[in-house]
Protein backbone atom coordinates (compact mmCIF):
# COMPACT_ATOMS: atom_id res chain seq x y z
CA MET A 1 -35.31 13.47 -16.08
CA LYS A 2 -35.35 11.36 -12.94
CA LYS A 3 -34.50 12.96 -9.65
CA LEU A 4 -31.82 11.57 -7.39
CA ARG A 5 -32.85 10.56 -3.95
CA SER A 6 -30.88 9.56 -0.89
CA LEU A 7 -32.00 6.50 0.99
CA SER A 8 -30.63 7.76 4.30
CA PHE A 9 -33.83 9.35 5.51
CA ASP A 10 -36.27 6.66 4.43
CA ALA A 11 -37.56 5.78 7.91
CA LYS A 12 -39.65 2.89 6.63
CA ARG A 13 -36.61 1.02 5.31
CA PRO A 14 -33.66 1.59 7.67
CA ASP A 15 -30.27 -0.08 7.30
CA LYS A 16 -31.25 -2.09 4.22
CA PHE A 17 -27.85 -1.62 2.62
CA LYS A 18 -26.00 -2.76 5.72
CA ALA A 19 -23.94 -5.96 5.49
CA SER A 20 -25.90 -9.14 6.21
CA ASN A 21 -25.63 -10.14 9.87
CA ALA A 22 -26.73 -13.67 8.96
CA ALA A 23 -23.93 -13.98 6.39
CA GLU A 24 -21.36 -12.73 8.90
CA ARG A 25 -22.54 -15.10 11.65
CA GLU A 26 -22.47 -18.13 9.38
CA PHE A 27 -19.04 -17.23 7.99
CA TYR A 28 -17.68 -16.70 11.50
CA ARG A 29 -18.98 -20.06 12.72
CA ALA A 30 -17.13 -21.76 9.88
CA LEU A 31 -13.89 -19.83 10.44
CA LYS A 32 -14.06 -20.42 14.19
CA LYS A 33 -13.63 -24.16 13.54
CA VAL A 34 -10.39 -23.41 11.69
CA ALA A 35 -9.17 -21.29 14.59
CA GLN A 36 -10.00 -23.99 17.14
CA LYS A 37 -8.26 -26.68 15.11
CA SER A 38 -5.21 -24.43 14.75
CA GLY A 39 -5.14 -23.85 18.50
CA HIS A 40 -5.43 -27.58 19.12
CA LEU A 41 -2.45 -28.31 16.88
CA ILE A 42 -0.40 -25.79 18.84
CA ASP A 43 -1.52 -27.27 22.17
CA ILE A 44 -0.36 -30.78 21.29
CA HIS A 45 3.04 -29.51 20.13
CA THR A 46 3.76 -27.26 23.12
CA ASP A 47 4.45 -27.42 26.83
CA GLY A 48 4.01 -24.09 28.53
CA ALA A 49 5.89 -21.61 26.33
CA THR A 50 8.11 -24.31 24.80
CA ILE A 51 7.53 -26.00 21.44
CA HIS A 52 8.53 -29.68 21.40
CA ASP A 53 9.54 -29.62 17.72
CA ASP A 54 8.99 -26.35 15.90
CA ALA A 55 9.60 -27.87 12.47
CA GLN A 56 6.90 -30.47 13.09
CA LEU A 57 4.46 -27.85 14.38
CA GLN A 58 4.93 -25.55 11.41
CA LYS A 59 4.65 -28.50 9.02
CA ALA A 60 1.39 -29.62 10.65
CA LEU A 61 -0.09 -26.12 10.38
CA ARG A 62 1.05 -25.65 6.77
CA THR A 63 -0.39 -29.04 5.83
CA TYR A 64 -3.69 -28.14 7.50
CA ALA A 65 -3.76 -24.78 5.69
CA LYS A 66 -3.23 -26.49 2.34
CA GLN A 67 -5.94 -29.07 3.04
CA LEU A 68 -8.36 -26.25 3.85
CA GLU A 69 -8.47 -24.83 0.32
CA PRO A 70 -11.54 -26.64 -1.14
CA TRP A 71 -13.48 -26.25 2.11
CA ALA A 72 -12.46 -22.59 2.41
CA ARG A 73 -13.61 -21.98 -1.16
CA ARG A 74 -17.05 -23.40 -0.35
CA GLN A 75 -17.41 -21.33 2.82
CA ALA A 76 -16.35 -18.11 1.11
CA ALA A 77 -18.69 -18.82 -1.81
CA LYS A 78 -21.62 -19.34 0.58
CA MET A 79 -20.93 -16.05 2.35
CA LEU A 80 -20.63 -14.19 -0.94
CA GLU A 81 -23.85 -15.71 -2.25
CA LYS A 82 -25.77 -14.80 0.92
CA SER A 83 -24.34 -11.26 0.87
CA ALA A 84 -25.16 -10.80 -2.81
CA LYS A 85 -28.77 -11.96 -2.29
CA SER A 86 -29.24 -9.66 0.69
CA ASN A 87 -27.86 -6.74 -1.31
CA LYS A 88 -30.06 -7.61 -4.29
CA ARG A 89 -33.18 -7.55 -2.08
CA ALA A 90 -32.16 -4.15 -0.71
CA TYR A 91 -31.96 -2.67 -4.19
CA LYS A 92 -35.27 -4.18 -5.27
CA ASN A 93 -37.03 -2.94 -2.15
CA HIS A 94 -35.74 0.60 -2.53
CA SER A 95 -36.12 1.27 -6.20
CA LYS A 96 -38.54 -0.13 -8.78
CA ALA A 97 -36.23 1.07 -11.53
CA MET A 98 -33.25 -0.68 -9.98
CA GLY A 99 -35.32 -3.79 -9.33
CA ALA A 100 -36.31 -3.93 -13.00
CA ALA A 101 -32.70 -3.43 -14.06
CA ILE A 102 -31.53 -6.29 -11.84
CA GLN A 103 -34.35 -8.50 -13.09
CA SER A 104 -33.22 -7.91 -16.66
CA GLY A 105 -29.67 -8.91 -15.79
CA VAL A 106 -28.07 -5.47 -15.63
CA ALA A 107 -25.25 -5.36 -13.04
CA GLU A 108 -25.37 -9.09 -12.33
CA SER A 109 -22.33 -9.89 -14.46
CA ASP A 110 -20.52 -7.11 -12.60
CA THR A 111 -21.33 -8.62 -9.22
CA GLY A 112 -20.23 -12.02 -10.48
CA GLN A 113 -16.82 -10.65 -11.39
CA VAL A 114 -16.56 -8.94 -8.01
CA ALA A 115 -17.44 -12.19 -6.24
CA MET A 116 -14.76 -14.15 -8.10
CA ALA A 117 -12.09 -11.60 -7.18
CA LEU A 118 -13.15 -11.59 -3.51
CA LEU A 119 -13.37 -15.39 -3.36
CA ASN A 120 -9.69 -15.97 -4.03
CA GLU A 121 -8.68 -13.35 -1.47
CA GLN A 122 -10.95 -14.87 1.17
CA VAL A 123 -9.63 -18.38 0.62
CA ALA A 124 -6.12 -17.03 1.25
CA LEU A 125 -7.30 -15.29 4.42
CA ILE A 126 -8.88 -18.47 5.77
CA GLN A 127 -5.70 -20.40 5.07
CA SER A 128 -3.71 -17.71 6.87
CA ILE A 129 -5.38 -18.48 10.22
CA PRO A 130 -3.27 -21.59 11.02
CA ILE A 131 -0.14 -20.07 9.46
CA GLU A 132 -0.37 -16.92 11.59
CA ALA A 133 -1.13 -18.98 14.69
CA GLY A 134 2.06 -20.95 14.07
CA LEU A 135 4.18 -17.84 13.60
CA ARG A 136 2.80 -16.38 16.83
CA ALA A 137 3.63 -19.57 18.76
CA GLN A 138 7.10 -19.58 17.23
CA LYS A 139 7.72 -16.00 18.39
CA ILE A 140 6.56 -16.76 21.94
CA ALA A 141 8.78 -19.84 22.12
CA ALA A 142 11.78 -17.86 20.85
CA GLU A 143 11.26 -15.19 23.52
CA ASN A 144 10.95 -17.92 26.15
CA PHE A 145 14.20 -19.51 24.98
CA LEU A 146 16.07 -16.20 25.22
CA GLN A 147 14.66 -15.62 28.67
CA GLY A 148 15.90 -19.06 29.76
CA LYS A 149 19.44 -18.24 28.59
CA ARG A 150 19.66 -15.35 31.03
CA ALA A 151 21.78 -15.76 34.15
CA VAL A 152 18.75 -14.79 36.23
CA PRO A 153 15.54 -15.43 34.25
CA ASP A 154 12.59 -13.16 34.99
CA GLN A 155 9.93 -15.58 36.20
CA SER A 156 7.12 -13.07 35.67
CA VAL A 157 8.08 -12.81 31.99
CA ILE A 158 8.20 -16.60 31.67
CA ASP A 159 4.76 -16.91 33.27
CA ASP A 160 3.41 -14.27 30.91
CA LEU A 161 4.80 -16.14 27.89
CA LYS A 162 3.19 -19.36 29.10
CA GLU A 163 -0.11 -17.53 29.42
CA GLN A 164 0.26 -16.10 25.92
CA MET A 165 0.92 -19.55 24.46
CA GLY A 166 -2.12 -20.88 26.30
CA MET A 167 -4.24 -18.23 24.58
CA SER A 168 -3.36 -19.48 21.08
CA THR A 169 -6.90 -20.70 20.38
CA GLU A 170 -8.49 -17.50 21.70
CA VAL A 171 -6.21 -15.31 19.58
CA ALA A 172 -6.94 -17.42 16.50
CA VAL A 173 -10.69 -17.21 17.17
CA ASN A 174 -10.47 -13.42 17.41
CA ARG A 175 -8.61 -13.40 14.10
CA ALA A 176 -11.42 -15.50 12.60
CA LYS A 177 -14.00 -13.04 13.92
CA LEU A 178 -12.12 -10.10 12.40
CA ILE A 179 -11.91 -11.82 9.01
CA ALA A 180 -15.61 -12.71 9.07
CA ARG A 181 -16.76 -9.17 9.87
CA THR A 182 -14.30 -7.43 7.56
CA GLU A 183 -14.89 -9.68 4.57
CA THR A 184 -18.69 -9.72 4.88
CA ALA A 185 -18.75 -5.92 5.02
CA ARG A 186 -16.26 -5.65 2.17
CA ALA A 187 -18.29 -8.03 0.02
CA ASN A 188 -21.46 -6.07 0.69
CA ALA A 189 -19.74 -2.75 -0.12
CA SER A 190 -18.37 -4.21 -3.34
CA PHE A 191 -21.80 -5.48 -4.43
CA VAL A 192 -23.47 -2.16 -3.59
CA GLN A 193 -20.90 -0.28 -5.66
CA ALA A 194 -20.94 -2.70 -8.61
CA ARG A 195 -24.72 -2.55 -8.96
CA ALA A 196 -24.83 1.21 -8.44
CA GLU A 197 -22.19 1.98 -11.05
CA ALA A 198 -23.81 -0.43 -13.52
CA ILE A 199 -26.83 1.90 -13.78
CA GLY A 200 -24.82 5.11 -13.70
CA VAL A 201 -25.03 6.00 -10.00
CA THR A 202 -22.03 8.12 -9.11
CA HIS A 203 -22.38 8.91 -5.38
CA TYR A 204 -23.39 7.37 -2.08
CA ARG A 205 -24.04 8.52 1.46
CA TRP A 206 -21.58 7.19 4.06
CA VAL A 207 -23.49 5.73 7.03
CA THR A 208 -21.66 5.04 10.29
CA THR A 209 -23.05 2.80 13.03
CA MET A 210 -23.30 5.48 15.70
CA ASP A 211 -23.31 3.36 18.85
CA GLY A 212 -20.24 4.71 20.63
CA ALA A 213 -17.94 1.93 19.42
CA GLU A 214 -17.20 3.49 16.04
CA ARG A 215 -13.78 4.89 15.16
CA GLU A 216 -13.51 8.67 15.44
CA SER A 217 -12.40 8.96 11.82
CA HIS A 218 -15.47 6.98 10.69
CA LYS A 219 -17.76 8.99 12.95
CA LYS A 220 -16.65 12.13 11.14
CA MET A 221 -17.67 10.56 7.82
CA ASN A 222 -21.27 9.87 8.84
CA ASN A 223 -23.81 11.27 6.33
CA LYS A 224 -21.14 12.61 3.98
CA ILE A 225 -21.79 12.26 0.25
CA ILE A 226 -18.96 10.38 -1.45
CA ALA A 227 -18.13 9.94 -5.14
CA TYR A 228 -17.55 6.34 -6.19
CA ASP A 229 -14.70 7.28 -8.51
CA LYS A 230 -12.55 8.68 -5.70
CA ALA A 231 -12.21 6.89 -2.37
CA PRO A 232 -12.01 9.44 0.47
CA THR A 233 -9.05 9.88 2.79
CA LEU A 234 -10.22 9.89 6.40
CA SER A 235 -8.98 12.04 9.26
CA ASP A 236 -6.69 9.23 10.46
CA GLY A 237 -4.94 9.12 7.07
CA THR A 238 -6.54 5.89 5.81
CA THR A 239 -8.22 5.81 2.41
CA GLY A 240 -11.20 3.75 1.28
CA HIS A 241 -14.95 3.54 0.80
CA ALA A 242 -17.44 2.80 3.58
CA GLY A 243 -17.41 -0.85 4.57
CA THR A 244 -13.98 -1.66 3.15
CA PHE A 245 -11.82 -1.12 6.26
CA PRO A 246 -10.82 -3.85 8.74
CA ASN A 247 -13.59 -4.45 11.29
CA CYS A 248 -15.65 -1.67 9.71
CA ARG A 249 -19.42 -1.58 10.31
CA CYS A 250 -20.10 1.42 8.11
CA TYR A 251 -22.02 1.00 4.87
CA GLN A 252 -23.00 2.80 1.70
CA GLU A 253 -26.44 4.18 0.79
CA PRO A 254 -26.27 4.84 -2.95
CA ILE A 255 -27.94 7.96 -4.27
CA LEU A 256 -30.41 6.21 -6.59
CA PRO A 257 -32.69 7.64 -9.27
CA SER A 258 -36.17 8.34 -7.96
CA ASP A 259 -39.02 6.24 -9.33
CA ASP A 260 -40.93 9.49 -9.87
CA GLU A 261 -40.28 11.36 -13.10
């Protein structure tokens, strides 16, 4: 009977199951273009905190979002492919048995199904960037209008609203960055789990990036052994596996069979 071994303390191969930084960077660069275009559309339809024609602005952003679909599908597919390859290398490097299983095709159909499910969700998220930017601009303009209807408008509030509208591109870019990090980590976590469960692995070690920027609830999960069939509830009340939360940098180290009998 093969022993189970944790990969957490293998000093020669650290962080191999972490989400691909290269995949995240490339995905972010693509999504950043969408954010910048969305911000540009808002800029040409606004003056300060006022929208020239809200109906035209929203129509332009919705049209752009719709046109994005084939491009968004290609970008999401590239990120998923890069993440899947990185994850595949990690498994092969850590376990001869797992490497042989992958080579024979075991788990690959599972990862394919996972990728297809994630792809559609990611396309929708990319298309949401211009839509959300438009809704934000609409809200700012509405607040500015109400402020202007006051007998004595608060100029500091008006100035703040103008500043907020001027940050439309920056806010959209930050949204793009969040999507890129979250979805790359989520894809990696999904591939790790799919391949692990395909060969009967039932548990993983939760690994938190302990650099001082981690969430307290995630810090408390570091090094805990988690069963795949029951996502844990964290101290902040959220539930999910490592790497599946928004902006999460945690990852899973599956407890794999040892290559030694």
